[in-house]
PDB file of all heavy atoms in Angstrom:
ATOM      1  N   PHE A   1     -43.336   1.752   7.019  1.00  0.00           N
ATOM      2  CA  PHE A   1     -41.912   1.872   6.698  1.00  0.00           C
ATOM      3  C   PHE A   1     -41.757   2.787   5.499  1.00  0.00           C
ATOM      4  O   PHE A   1     -40.709   3.627   5.485  1.00  0.00           O
ATOM      5  CB  PHE A   1     -41.372   0.385   6.369  1.00  0.00           C
ATOM      6  CG  PHE A   1     -39.981   0.598   6.095  1.00  0.00           C
ATOM      7  CD1 PHE A   1     -39.052   0.484   7.213  1.00  0.00           C
ATOM      8  CD2 PHE A   1     -39.380   0.575   4.885  1.00  0.00           C
ATOM      9  CE1 PHE A   1     -37.623   0.602   7.086  1.00  0.00           C
ATOM     10  CE2 PHE A   1     -37.918   0.743   4.792  1.00  0.00           C
ATOM     11  CZ  PHE A   1     -37.079   0.650   5.765  1.00  0.00           C
ATOM     12  N   LEU A   2     -42.518   2.762   4.598  1.00  0.00           N
ATOM     13  CA  LEU A   2     -42.442   3.623   3.433  1.00  0.00           C
ATOM     14  C   LEU A   2     -42.582   5.103   3.731  1.00  0.00           C
ATOM     15  O   LEU A   2     -42.094   6.004   3.075  1.00  0.00           O
ATOM     16  CB  LEU A   2     -43.425   3.296   2.394  1.00  0.00           C
ATOM     17  CG  LEU A   2     -43.270   1.914   1.627  1.00  0.00           C
ATOM     18  CD1 LEU A   2     -44.446   1.541   0.757  1.00  0.00           C
ATOM     19  CD2 LEU A   2     -41.975   1.857   0.778  1.00  0.00           C
ATOM     20  N   SER A   3     -43.303   5.399   4.860  1.00  0.00           N
ATOM     21  CA  SER A   3     -43.442   6.752   5.346  1.00  0.00           C
ATOM     22  C   SER A   3     -41.999   7.305   5.739  1.00  0.00           C
ATOM     23  O   SER A   3     -41.734   8.556   5.711  1.00  0.00           O
ATOM     24  CB  SER A   3     -44.335   6.865   6.534  1.00  0.00           C
ATOM     25  OG  SER A   3     -43.752   6.371   7.664  1.00  0.00           O
ATOM     26  N   LEU A   4     -40.938   6.528   6.179  1.00  0.00           N
ATOM     27  CA  LEU A   4     -39.733   6.939   6.501  1.00  0.00           C
ATOM     28  C   LEU A   4     -38.709   6.706   5.398  1.00  0.00           C
ATOM     29  O   LEU A   4     -37.841   7.679   5.063  1.00  0.00           O
ATOM     30  CB  LEU A   4     -39.154   6.193   7.669  1.00  0.00           C
ATOM     31  CG  LEU A   4     -37.804   6.506   8.200  1.00  0.00           C
ATOM     32  CD1 LEU A   4     -37.739   7.905   8.812  1.00  0.00           C
ATOM     33  CD2 LEU A   4     -37.466   5.573   9.294  1.00  0.00           C
ATOM     34  N   ASN A   5     -38.841   5.691   4.571  1.00  0.00           N
ATOM     35  CA  ASN A   5     -38.051   5.509   3.397  1.00  0.00           C
ATOM     36  C   ASN A   5     -38.959   5.157   2.178  1.00  0.00           C
ATOM     37  O   ASN A   5     -39.394   3.953   2.011  1.00  0.00           O
ATOM     38  CB  ASN A   5     -37.081   4.498   3.664  1.00  0.00           C
ATOM     39  CG  ASN A   5     -36.062   4.227   2.378  1.00  0.00           C
ATOM     40  OD1 ASN A   5     -36.304   4.926   1.390  1.00  0.00           O
ATOM     41  ND2 ASN A   5     -35.181   3.309   2.438  1.00  0.00           N
ATOM     42  N   PRO A   6     -39.262   6.126   1.390  1.00  0.00           N
ATOM     43  CA  PRO A   6     -40.103   5.768   0.208  1.00  0.00           C
ATOM     44  C   PRO A   6     -39.594   4.774  -0.778  1.00  0.00           C
ATOM     45  O   PRO A   6     -40.410   4.221  -1.521  1.00  0.00           O
ATOM     46  CB  PRO A   6     -40.185   7.196  -0.464  1.00  0.00           C
ATOM     47  CG  PRO A   6     -39.788   8.137   0.531  1.00  0.00           C
ATOM     48  CD  PRO A   6     -38.844   7.469   1.450  1.00  0.00           C
ATOM     49  N   ASN A   7     -38.242   4.439  -0.560  1.00  0.00           N
ATOM     50  CA  ASN A   7     -37.625   3.545  -1.506  1.00  0.00           C
ATOM     51  C   ASN A   7     -37.777   2.140  -0.986  1.00  0.00           C
ATOM     52  O   ASN A   7     -37.445   1.124  -1.757  1.00  0.00           O
ATOM     53  CB  ASN A   7     -36.190   3.834  -1.773  1.00  0.00           C
ATOM     54  CG  ASN A   7     -35.474   2.999  -2.922  1.00  0.00           C
ATOM     55  OD1 ASN A   7     -36.105   2.736  -3.888  1.00  0.00           O
ATOM     56  ND2 ASN A   7     -34.310   2.670  -2.703  1.00  0.00           N
ATOM     57  N   GLY A   8     -38.320   1.868   0.252  1.00  0.00           N
ATOM     58  CA  GLY A   8     -38.622   0.591   0.781  1.00  0.00           C
ATOM     59  C   GLY A   8     -37.408  -0.337   0.988  1.00  0.00           C
ATOM     60  O   GLY A   8     -37.503  -1.445   0.667  1.00  0.00           O
ATOM     61  N   ARG A   9     -36.293   0.208   1.447  1.00  0.00           N
ATOM     62  CA  ARG A   9     -35.163  -0.544   1.682  1.00  0.00           C
ATOM     63  C   ARG A   9     -34.589  -0.032   3.058  1.00  0.00           C
ATOM     64  O   ARG A   9     -34.693   0.945   3.531  1.00  0.00           O
ATOM     65  CB  ARG A   9     -33.965  -0.191   0.532  1.00  0.00           C
ATOM     66  CG  ARG A   9     -34.393  -0.552  -0.894  1.00  0.00           C
ATOM     67  CD  ARG A   9     -34.465  -2.091  -0.960  1.00  0.00           C
ATOM     68  NE  ARG A   9     -34.691  -2.498  -2.291  1.00  0.00           N
ATOM     69  CZ  ARG A   9     -35.874  -2.788  -2.829  1.00  0.00           C
ATOM     70  NH1 ARG A   9     -36.860  -2.527  -2.196  1.00  0.00           N
ATOM     71  NH2 ARG A   9     -36.028  -3.118  -4.111  1.00  0.00           N
ATOM     72  N   ILE A  10     -33.908  -1.161   3.614  1.00  0.00           N
ATOM     73  CA  ILE A  10     -33.261  -1.041   5.028  1.00  0.00           C
ATOM     74  C   ILE A  10     -31.728  -0.581   4.567  1.00  0.00           C
ATOM     75  O   ILE A  10     -31.285  -0.818   3.598  1.00  0.00           O
ATOM     76  CB  ILE A  10     -33.233  -2.074   5.880  1.00  0.00           C
ATOM     77  CG1 ILE A  10     -32.621  -3.358   5.193  1.00  0.00           C
ATOM     78  CG2 ILE A  10     -34.726  -2.438   6.305  1.00  0.00           C
ATOM     79  CD1 ILE A  10     -31.300  -3.659   5.680  1.00  0.00           C
ATOM     80  N   PRO A  11     -31.137   0.120   5.619  1.00  0.00           N
ATOM     81  CA  PRO A  11     -31.589   0.692   6.868  1.00  0.00           C
ATOM     82  C   PRO A  11     -32.211   1.992   6.748  1.00  0.00           C
ATOM     83  O   PRO A  11     -32.026   2.727   5.785  1.00  0.00           O
ATOM     84  CB  PRO A  11     -30.292   0.686   7.644  1.00  0.00           C
ATOM     85  CG  PRO A  11     -29.272   1.117   6.661  1.00  0.00           C
ATOM     86  CD  PRO A  11     -29.659   0.375   5.374  1.00  0.00           C
ATOM     87  N   ALA A  12     -32.802   2.478   7.854  1.00  0.00           N
ATOM     88  CA  ALA A  12     -33.351   3.832   8.103  1.00  0.00           C
ATOM     89  C   ALA A  12     -33.278   4.123   9.568  1.00  0.00           C
ATOM     90  O   ALA A  12     -33.304   3.178  10.446  1.00  0.00           O
ATOM     91  CB  ALA A  12     -34.899   3.852   7.470  1.00  0.00           C
ATOM     92  N   ILE A  13     -33.229   5.460   9.807  1.00  0.00           N
ATOM     93  CA  ILE A  13     -33.125   5.788  11.248  1.00  0.00           C
ATOM     94  C   ILE A  13     -34.082   6.979  11.391  1.00  0.00           C
ATOM     95  O   ILE A  13     -34.400   7.760  10.478  1.00  0.00           O
ATOM     96  CB  ILE A  13     -31.695   6.144  11.681  1.00  0.00           C
ATOM     97  CG1 ILE A  13     -31.162   7.374  11.044  1.00  0.00           C
ATOM     98  CG2 ILE A  13     -30.758   4.939  11.540  1.00  0.00           C
ATOM     99  CD1 ILE A  13     -29.934   7.941  11.639  1.00  0.00           C
ATOM    100  N   ILE A  14     -34.332   7.185  12.718  1.00  0.00           N
ATOM    101  CA  ILE A  14     -34.870   8.513  13.284  1.00  0.00           C
ATOM    102  C   ILE A  14     -33.919   8.949  14.289  1.00  0.00           C
ATOM    103  O   ILE A  14     -33.679   8.127  15.289  1.00  0.00           O
ATOM    104  CB  ILE A  14     -36.386   8.388  13.729  1.00  0.00           C
ATOM    105  CG1 ILE A  14     -37.357   7.854  12.710  1.00  0.00           C
ATOM    106  CG2 ILE A  14     -36.740   9.611  14.479  1.00  0.00           C
ATOM    107  CD1 ILE A  14     -38.665   7.611  13.261  1.00  0.00           C
ATOM    108  N   ASP A  15     -33.406  10.008  14.286  1.00  0.00           N
ATOM    109  CA  ASP A  15     -32.642  10.687  15.356  1.00  0.00           C
ATOM    110  C   ASP A  15     -33.477  11.715  15.978  1.00  0.00           C
ATOM    111  O   ASP A  15     -33.788  12.803  15.362  1.00  0.00           O
ATOM    112  CB  ASP A  15     -31.277  11.249  14.763  1.00  0.00           C
ATOM    113  CG  ASP A  15     -30.358  11.759  15.902  1.00  0.00           C
ATOM    114  OD1 ASP A  15     -30.832  11.725  17.157  1.00  0.00           O
ATOM    115  OD2 ASP A  15     -29.407  12.227  15.612  1.00  0.00           O
ATOM    116  N   PRO A  16     -33.922  11.574  17.318  1.00  0.00           N
ATOM    117  CA  PRO A  16     -34.677  12.588  17.890  1.00  0.00           C
ATOM    118  C   PRO A  16     -33.849  13.908  18.287  1.00  0.00           C
ATOM    119  O   PRO A  16     -34.437  14.897  18.449  1.00  0.00           O
ATOM    120  CB  PRO A  16     -35.086  11.795  19.188  1.00  0.00           C
ATOM    121  CG  PRO A  16     -33.941  10.861  19.453  1.00  0.00           C
ATOM    122  CD  PRO A  16     -33.565  10.290  18.097  1.00  0.00           C
ATOM    123  N   ASN A  17     -32.576  13.755  18.196  1.00  0.00           N
ATOM    124  CA  ASN A  17     -31.846  14.984  18.468  1.00  0.00           C
ATOM    125  C   ASN A  17     -30.952  15.315  17.037  1.00  0.00           C
ATOM    126  O   ASN A  17     -29.739  15.129  17.122  1.00  0.00           O
ATOM    127  CB  ASN A  17     -30.797  14.596  19.621  1.00  0.00           C
ATOM    128  CG  ASN A  17     -31.579  14.285  20.906  1.00  0.00           C
ATOM    129  OD1 ASN A  17     -32.203  15.101  21.266  1.00  0.00           O
ATOM    130  ND2 ASN A  17     -31.304  12.988  21.307  1.00  0.00           N
ATOM    131  N   GLY A  18     -31.662  15.616  16.177  1.00  0.00           N
ATOM    132  CA  GLY A  18     -31.181  16.011  14.775  1.00  0.00           C
ATOM    133  C   GLY A  18     -30.623  17.453  14.807  1.00  0.00           C
ATOM    134  O   GLY A  18     -30.478  18.051  15.878  1.00  0.00           O
ATOM    135  N   PRO A  19     -30.410  18.001  13.587  1.00  0.00           N
ATOM    136  CA  PRO A  19     -29.949  19.355  13.528  1.00  0.00           C
ATOM    137  C   PRO A  19     -30.925  20.262  14.130  1.00  0.00           C
ATOM    138  O   PRO A  19     -32.174  20.130  14.082  1.00  0.00           O
ATOM    139  CB  PRO A  19     -29.865  19.593  11.960  1.00  0.00           C
ATOM    140  CG  PRO A  19     -29.820  18.169  11.369  1.00  0.00           C
ATOM    141  CD  PRO A  19     -30.448  17.228  12.284  1.00  0.00           C
ATOM    142  N   ASP A  20     -30.399  21.241  14.788  1.00  0.00           N
ATOM    143  CA  ASP A  20     -31.043  22.165  15.628  1.00  0.00           C
ATOM    144  C   ASP A  20     -31.987  21.681  16.703  1.00  0.00           C
ATOM    145  O   ASP A  20     -32.957  22.050  17.211  1.00  0.00           O
ATOM    146  CB  ASP A  20     -31.960  23.083  14.715  1.00  0.00           C
ATOM    147  CG  ASP A  20     -31.205  23.859  13.457  1.00  0.00           C
ATOM    148  OD1 ASP A  20     -30.083  24.323  13.846  1.00  0.00           O
ATOM    149  OD2 ASP A  20     -31.695  23.886  12.329  1.00  0.00           O
ATOM    150  N   GLY A  21     -31.565  20.386  17.071  1.00  0.00           N
ATOM    151  CA  GLY A  21     -32.264  19.671  18.227  1.00  0.00           C
ATOM    152  C   GLY A  21     -33.518  19.063  17.787  1.00  0.00           C
ATOM    153  O   GLY A  21     -34.378  18.729  18.714  1.00  0.00           O
ATOM    154  N   LYS A  22     -33.911  19.080  16.579  1.00  0.00           N
ATOM    155  CA  LYS A  22     -35.212  18.571  16.051  1.00  0.00           C
ATOM    156  C   LYS A  22     -35.052  17.145  15.477  1.00  0.00           C
ATOM    157  O   LYS A  22     -34.026  16.746  14.904  1.00  0.00           O
ATOM    158  CB  LYS A  22     -35.792  19.515  14.975  1.00  0.00           C
ATOM    159  CG  LYS A  22     -36.024  20.929  15.427  1.00  0.00           C
ATOM    160  CD  LYS A  22     -36.615  21.746  14.375  1.00  0.00           C
ATOM    161  CE  LYS A  22     -36.773  23.158  14.678  1.00  0.00           C
ATOM    162  NZ  LYS A  22     -37.269  24.144  13.692  1.00  0.00           N
ATOM    163  N   PRO A  23     -36.031  16.305  15.601  1.00  0.00           N
ATOM    164  CA  PRO A  23     -36.072  14.961  15.070  1.00  0.00           C
ATOM    165  C   PRO A  23     -35.845  15.062  13.633  1.00  0.00           C
ATOM    166  O   PRO A  23     -36.248  15.839  12.895  1.00  0.00           O
ATOM    167  CB  PRO A  23     -37.332  14.299  15.501  1.00  0.00           C
ATOM    168  CG  PRO A  23     -37.797  15.206  16.590  1.00  0.00           C
ATOM    169  CD  PRO A  23     -37.228  16.544  16.410  1.00  0.00           C
ATOM    170  N   ILE A  24     -35.012  13.919  13.102  1.00  0.00           N
ATOM    171  CA  ILE A  24     -34.802  13.917  11.666  1.00  0.00           C
ATOM    172  C   ILE A  24     -34.900  12.363  11.352  1.00  0.00           C
ATOM    173  O   ILE A  24     -34.400  11.522  12.094  1.00  0.00           O
ATOM    174  CB  ILE A  24     -33.528  14.431  11.324  1.00  0.00           C
ATOM    175  CG1 ILE A  24     -33.366  14.465   9.741  1.00  0.00           C
ATOM    176  CG2 ILE A  24     -32.346  13.773  11.860  1.00  0.00           C
ATOM    177  CD1 ILE A  24     -32.102  15.233   9.265  1.00  0.00           C
ATOM    178  N   GLY A  25     -35.519  12.012  10.250  1.00  0.00           N
ATOM    179  CA  GLY A  25     -35.519  10.740   9.597  1.00  0.00           C
ATOM    180  C   GLY A  25     -34.633  10.632   8.422  1.00  0.00           C
ATOM    181  O   GLY A  25     -34.524  11.585   7.605  1.00  0.00           O
ATOM    182  N   LEU A  26     -33.833   9.594   8.329  1.00  0.00           N
ATOM    183  CA  LEU A  26     -32.890   9.356   7.282  1.00  0.00           C
ATOM    184  C   LEU A  26     -32.944   8.034   6.681  1.00  0.00           C
ATOM    185  O   LEU A  26     -33.181   7.010   7.442  1.00  0.00           O
ATOM    186  CB  LEU A  26     -31.395   9.638   7.723  1.00  0.00           C
ATOM    187  CG  LEU A  26     -31.190  11.247   8.367  1.00  0.00           C
ATOM    188  CD1 LEU A  26     -29.828  11.062   8.934  1.00  0.00           C
ATOM    189  CD2 LEU A  26     -31.161  12.084   7.132  1.00  0.00           C
ATOM    190  N   PHE A  27     -32.524   7.887   5.381  1.00  0.00           N
ATOM    191  CA  PHE A  27     -32.468   6.579   4.848  1.00  0.00           C
ATOM    192  C   PHE A  27     -31.238   6.521   3.908  1.00  0.00           C
ATOM    193  O   PHE A  27     -30.665   7.684   3.670  1.00  0.00           O
ATOM    194  CB  PHE A  27     -33.760   6.143   4.036  1.00  0.00           C
ATOM    195  CG  PHE A  27     -34.173   6.999   2.982  1.00  0.00           C
ATOM    196  CD1 PHE A  27     -33.795   6.842   1.673  1.00  0.00           C
ATOM    197  CD2 PHE A  27     -35.011   8.121   3.141  1.00  0.00           C
ATOM    198  CE1 PHE A  27     -34.206   7.545   0.633  1.00  0.00           C
ATOM    199  CE2 PHE A  27     -35.416   8.931   2.181  1.00  0.00           C
ATOM    200  CZ  PHE A  27     -35.085   8.724   0.937  1.00  0.00           C
TER     201      PHE A  27
END
């Protein structure tokens, strides 16, 4: 989980269709 959100809090998402069609992880 910390690999996606270093702050260790929910929520977080991965959008496989992010900017320029590339995956993006957000918290």
